[in-house]
Amino acid sequence: MRTFDEIYEIAAARKGGAEALEKQISPALLAVELAKIPDDRWLSDMTKRVFQAGFNWKVVESMWPGFEAAFEGFDLGRCAMLHDEDFDRLVSDTRIVRYGAKIRSVQENAVFLIDLINEHGSAGKAFGKWPSDDYIGLLELMKKRGSRLGGNTGQYFLRMMGKDSFILSRDVTARLIAEGIIDKNPKSKKALTQVQHAFNTWMDQSSRGLTEISRVLAMSV
């Protein structure tokens, strides 16, 4: 496994130098910044990533004002209490993508977020204080307690919200394979643990967070 500096040099050479590379790297938000994000915005973006999974992202983005209206601004209390009549209305609502299982996930994820709020004070505090060196633990939590948040969906959600994170994209996975950390797309707990260990090593070497390291890895391929 190469050091972070060695991989950084590969990425810099591909992108036209260190200065050009740095312009494409942004650090994650601080925990105190994540804590200030309203709870409904966490459910909104969580829902957006769920609906974008396996679908045209641009279509979902263009329809998003309709989603916000249909789900009443993603108020957690209202979404958690959706009943059969609400679901009947939503699966016929042309303002949104009418995918029953994903519509149901809005209610389930509202309940999940309410549980986090009860445990930690707010969704932002819960996500913000989760340690970067156990990022895969957070992914596992979302997979188990949330709805349709496994795989890259949960990873993109965290990244878009500003949480320090890595995304196991095609390019990041290719770099991890090239470094001998894994031999294929990591799905098992063992493989994810190996990935986490590698990122922890690179964090120690570079004093950078997961987001920055992930971006460098992606641009090194």
Protein backbone atom coordinates (compact mmCIF):
# COMPACT_ATOMS: atom_id res chain seq x y z
CA MET A 1 0.00 0.00 0.00
CA ARG A 2 1.40 3.37 -1.03
CA THR A 3 1.57 6.26 1.39
CA PHE A 4 -0.92 9.08 1.00
CA ASP A 5 1.81 11.39 -0.32
CA GLU A 6 2.65 8.91 -3.06
CA ILE A 7 -0.98 8.62 -4.13
CA TYR A 8 -1.34 12.39 -3.94
CA GLU A 9 1.56 12.77 -6.35
CA ILE A 10 -0.11 10.40 -8.80
CA ALA A 11 -3.35 12.40 -8.60
CA ALA A 12 -1.52 15.72 -8.93
CA ALA A 13 0.31 14.51 -12.03
CA ARG A 14 -2.99 13.49 -13.61
CA LYS A 15 -4.70 16.79 -12.79
CA GLY A 16 -1.96 19.19 -13.83
CA GLY A 17 -0.18 19.74 -10.54
CA ALA A 18 -0.87 20.13 -6.84
CA GLU A 19 -2.50 23.54 -7.19
CA ALA A 20 -5.00 22.27 -9.75
CA LEU A 21 -5.69 19.19 -7.62
CA GLU A 22 -6.34 21.23 -4.47
CA LYS A 23 -8.98 23.25 -6.30
CA GLN A 24 -10.98 20.05 -6.68
CA ILE A 25 -10.70 19.04 -3.02
CA SER A 26 -12.91 20.48 -0.29
CA PRO A 27 -12.91 19.43 3.37
CA ALA A 28 -16.02 18.18 5.11
CA LEU A 29 -18.10 20.35 7.41
CA LEU A 30 -17.18 20.50 11.08
CA ALA A 31 -19.40 18.74 13.63
CA VAL A 32 -20.62 22.10 14.91
CA GLU A 33 -21.67 23.06 11.37
CA LEU A 34 -23.51 19.78 10.81
CA ALA A 35 -25.32 20.26 14.12
CA LYS A 36 -26.85 23.50 12.81
CA ILE A 37 -28.55 21.80 9.84
CA PRO A 38 -32.31 21.53 10.53
CA ASP A 39 -33.67 18.02 11.02
CA ASP A 40 -36.05 18.27 8.05
CA ARG A 41 -33.09 18.90 5.71
CA TRP A 42 -31.57 15.57 6.69
CA LEU A 43 -34.78 13.77 5.75
CA SER A 44 -35.07 15.79 2.54
CA ASP A 45 -31.60 14.89 1.30
CA MET A 46 -31.90 11.32 2.53
CA THR A 47 -35.06 11.00 0.45
CA LYS A 48 -33.43 12.58 -2.58
CA ARG A 49 -30.58 10.05 -2.53
CA VAL A 50 -33.01 7.15 -2.10
CA PHE A 51 -35.04 8.24 -5.12
CA GLN A 52 -31.92 8.93 -7.20
CA ALA A 53 -30.58 5.41 -6.62
CA GLY A 54 -30.98 3.45 -9.83
CA PHE A 55 -32.75 6.37 -11.47
CA ASN A 56 -31.87 9.48 -13.48
CA TRP A 57 -30.42 11.96 -10.97
CA LYS A 58 -31.27 14.99 -13.09
CA VAL A 59 -34.92 14.00 -13.32
CA VAL A 60 -35.21 13.71 -9.54
CA GLU A 61 -33.39 17.03 -9.11
CA SER A 62 -35.73 18.78 -11.54
CA MET A 63 -38.75 17.40 -9.69
CA TRP A 64 -37.47 18.26 -6.23
CA PRO A 65 -39.73 21.28 -5.60
CA GLY A 66 -42.63 18.91 -6.17
CA PHE A 67 -41.20 16.45 -3.65
CA GLU A 68 -40.84 19.23 -1.08
CA ALA A 69 -44.48 20.20 -1.59
CA ALA A 70 -45.83 16.63 -1.63
CA PHE A 71 -44.03 15.75 1.61
CA GLU A 72 -44.87 19.09 3.27
CA GLY A 73 -41.28 20.27 3.60
CA PHE A 74 -40.22 16.91 5.04
CA ASP A 75 -41.49 17.78 8.49
CA LEU A 76 -40.41 14.73 10.49
CA GLY A 77 -43.52 14.51 12.63
CA ARG A 78 -45.84 14.61 9.64
CA CYS A 79 -43.77 12.19 7.56
CA ALA A 80 -43.48 9.71 10.43
CA MET A 81 -47.28 9.66 10.76
CA LEU A 82 -48.15 9.02 7.11
CA HIS A 83 -51.13 6.68 6.89
CA ASP A 84 -52.75 4.60 4.15
CA GLU A 85 -54.68 7.51 2.68
CA ASP A 86 -51.46 9.51 2.42
CA PHE A 87 -49.74 6.68 0.59
CA ASP A 88 -52.67 6.29 -1.79
CA ARG A 89 -52.43 10.02 -2.54
CA LEU A 90 -48.64 10.01 -2.94
CA VAL A 91 -48.45 7.05 -5.32
CA SER A 92 -50.76 9.02 -7.64
CA ASP A 93 -48.99 12.38 -7.20
CA THR A 94 -47.43 13.40 -10.52
CA ARG A 95 -45.14 15.89 -8.78
CA ILE A 96 -42.95 13.04 -7.53
CA VAL A 97 -41.53 9.74 -8.77
CA ARG A 98 -44.34 7.31 -7.99
CA TYR A 99 -42.35 4.40 -6.59
CA GLY A 100 -44.28 2.84 -3.72
CA ALA A 101 -41.40 1.26 -1.79
CA LYS A 102 -39.36 4.45 -1.93
CA ILE A 103 -42.33 6.55 -0.84
CA ARG A 104 -42.72 4.20 2.12
CA SER A 105 -39.05 4.74 2.97
CA VAL A 106 -39.77 8.42 3.70
CA GLN A 107 -41.93 7.42 6.64
CA GLU A 108 -39.46 4.80 7.82
CA ASN A 109 -36.53 7.20 7.62
CA ALA A 110 -38.49 9.90 9.44
CA VAL A 111 -38.95 7.44 12.32
CA PHE A 112 -35.23 6.59 12.16
CA LEU A 113 -34.25 10.26 12.38
CA ILE A 114 -36.68 10.91 15.22
CA ASP A 115 -35.01 8.08 17.13
CA LEU A 116 -31.60 9.68 16.53
CA ILE A 117 -32.94 13.04 17.70
CA ASN A 118 -34.26 11.46 20.89
CA GLU A 119 -30.88 9.84 21.48
CA HIS A 120 -28.57 12.73 20.54
CA GLY A 121 -30.57 15.95 20.54
CA SER A 122 -30.72 16.45 16.78
CA ALA A 123 -29.96 14.57 13.57
CA GLY A 124 -27.06 16.91 12.87
CA LYS A 125 -25.49 16.22 16.25
CA ALA A 126 -25.86 12.47 15.75
CA PHE A 127 -24.15 12.47 12.37
CA GLY A 128 -21.68 15.18 13.25
CA LYS A 129 -20.15 13.55 16.30
CA TRP A 130 -19.74 10.13 14.72
CA PRO A 131 -15.97 9.49 14.49
CA SER A 132 -14.36 9.35 11.05
CA ASP A 133 -12.23 6.38 12.07
CA ASP A 134 -15.43 4.31 12.41
CA TYR A 135 -17.21 5.59 9.32
CA ILE A 136 -18.21 2.06 8.31
CA GLY A 137 -19.98 1.79 11.67
CA LEU A 138 -22.16 4.74 10.67
CA LEU A 139 -22.88 3.11 7.31
CA GLU A 140 -23.92 -0.05 9.12
CA LEU A 141 -26.17 1.93 11.47
CA MET A 142 -27.98 3.55 8.54
CA LYS A 143 -28.32 0.24 6.75
CA LYS A 144 -29.82 -1.48 9.78
CA ARG A 145 -32.00 1.26 11.24
CA GLY A 146 -32.79 3.30 8.15
CA SER A 147 -34.64 2.35 5.00
CA ARG A 148 -32.94 1.81 1.63
CA LEU A 149 -29.76 3.47 2.88
CA GLY A 150 -27.34 0.63 2.21
CA GLY A 151 -24.62 0.62 -0.44
CA ASN A 152 -23.67 3.88 -2.10
CA THR A 153 -26.98 5.56 -1.28
CA GLY A 154 -26.01 6.17 2.33
CA GLN A 155 -22.50 7.20 1.28
CA TYR A 156 -23.75 9.82 -1.18
CA PHE A 157 -26.24 11.10 1.38
CA LEU A 158 -23.50 11.69 3.95
CA ARG A 159 -21.19 13.31 1.41
CA MET A 160 -23.88 15.66 0.12
CA MET A 161 -24.76 16.72 3.65
CA GLY A 162 -21.11 17.55 4.34
CA LYS A 163 -20.26 14.69 6.69
CA ASP A 164 -16.64 13.54 6.52
CA SER A 165 -16.94 10.45 4.35
CA PHE A 166 -15.56 8.25 1.64
CA ILE A 167 -17.58 7.07 -1.33
CA LEU A 168 -16.70 3.68 -2.79
CA SER A 169 -17.11 4.87 -6.35
CA ARG A 170 -15.65 2.99 -9.31
CA ASP A 171 -12.45 5.07 -9.23
CA VAL A 172 -11.94 4.93 -5.47
CA THR A 173 -12.49 1.18 -5.55
CA ALA A 174 -10.00 0.87 -8.42
CA ARG A 175 -7.34 2.67 -6.38
CA LEU A 176 -8.04 0.49 -3.33
CA ILE A 177 -7.64 -2.60 -5.51
CA ALA A 178 -4.43 -1.22 -7.03
CA GLU A 179 -3.06 -0.74 -3.50
CA GLY A 180 -3.82 -4.37 -2.60
CA ILE A 181 -6.31 -3.41 0.10
CA ILE A 182 -9.21 -5.28 -1.49
CA ASP A 183 -9.58 -7.44 -4.59
CA LYS A 184 -13.10 -6.41 -5.66
CA ASN A 185 -15.93 -4.04 -4.78
CA PRO A 186 -16.07 -4.27 -0.96
CA LYS A 187 -19.36 -5.67 0.30
CA SER A 188 -18.44 -7.83 3.26
CA LYS A 189 -17.74 -6.54 6.76
CA LYS A 190 -14.18 -7.85 6.49
CA ALA A 191 -13.53 -5.95 3.26
CA LEU A 192 -15.07 -2.75 4.61
CA THR A 193 -12.94 -3.05 7.74
CA GLN A 194 -9.84 -3.31 5.55
CA VAL A 195 -10.93 -0.19 3.66
CA GLN A 196 -11.53 1.69 6.91
CA HIS A 197 -8.10 0.68 8.20
CA ALA A 198 -6.46 1.99 5.01
CA PHE A 199 -8.28 5.31 5.25
CA ASN A 200 -7.36 5.60 8.93
CA THR A 201 -3.71 5.08 8.01
CA TRP A 202 -3.89 7.76 5.33
CA MET A 203 -5.65 10.14 7.76
CA ASP A 204 -2.77 9.66 10.22
CA GLN A 205 -0.21 10.26 7.47
CA SER A 206 -1.83 13.34 5.98
CA SER A 207 -3.91 15.00 8.73
CA ARG A 208 -6.71 15.15 6.15
CA GLY A 209 -10.22 13.80 6.53
CA LEU A 210 -12.00 11.00 4.72
CA THR A 211 -13.62 13.33 2.20
CA GLU A 212 -10.35 14.84 1.02
CA ILE A 213 -8.58 11.49 0.89
CA SER A 214 -11.47 9.92 -1.00
CA ARG A 215 -11.35 12.69 -3.60
CA VAL A 216 -7.59 12.28 -4.03
CA LEU A 217 -7.96 8.52 -4.50
CA ALA A 218 -10.69 9.04 -7.09
CA MET A 219 -8.54 11.46 -9.08
CA SER A 220 -5.50 9.21 -8.98
CA VAL A 221 -7.14 6.75 -11.39
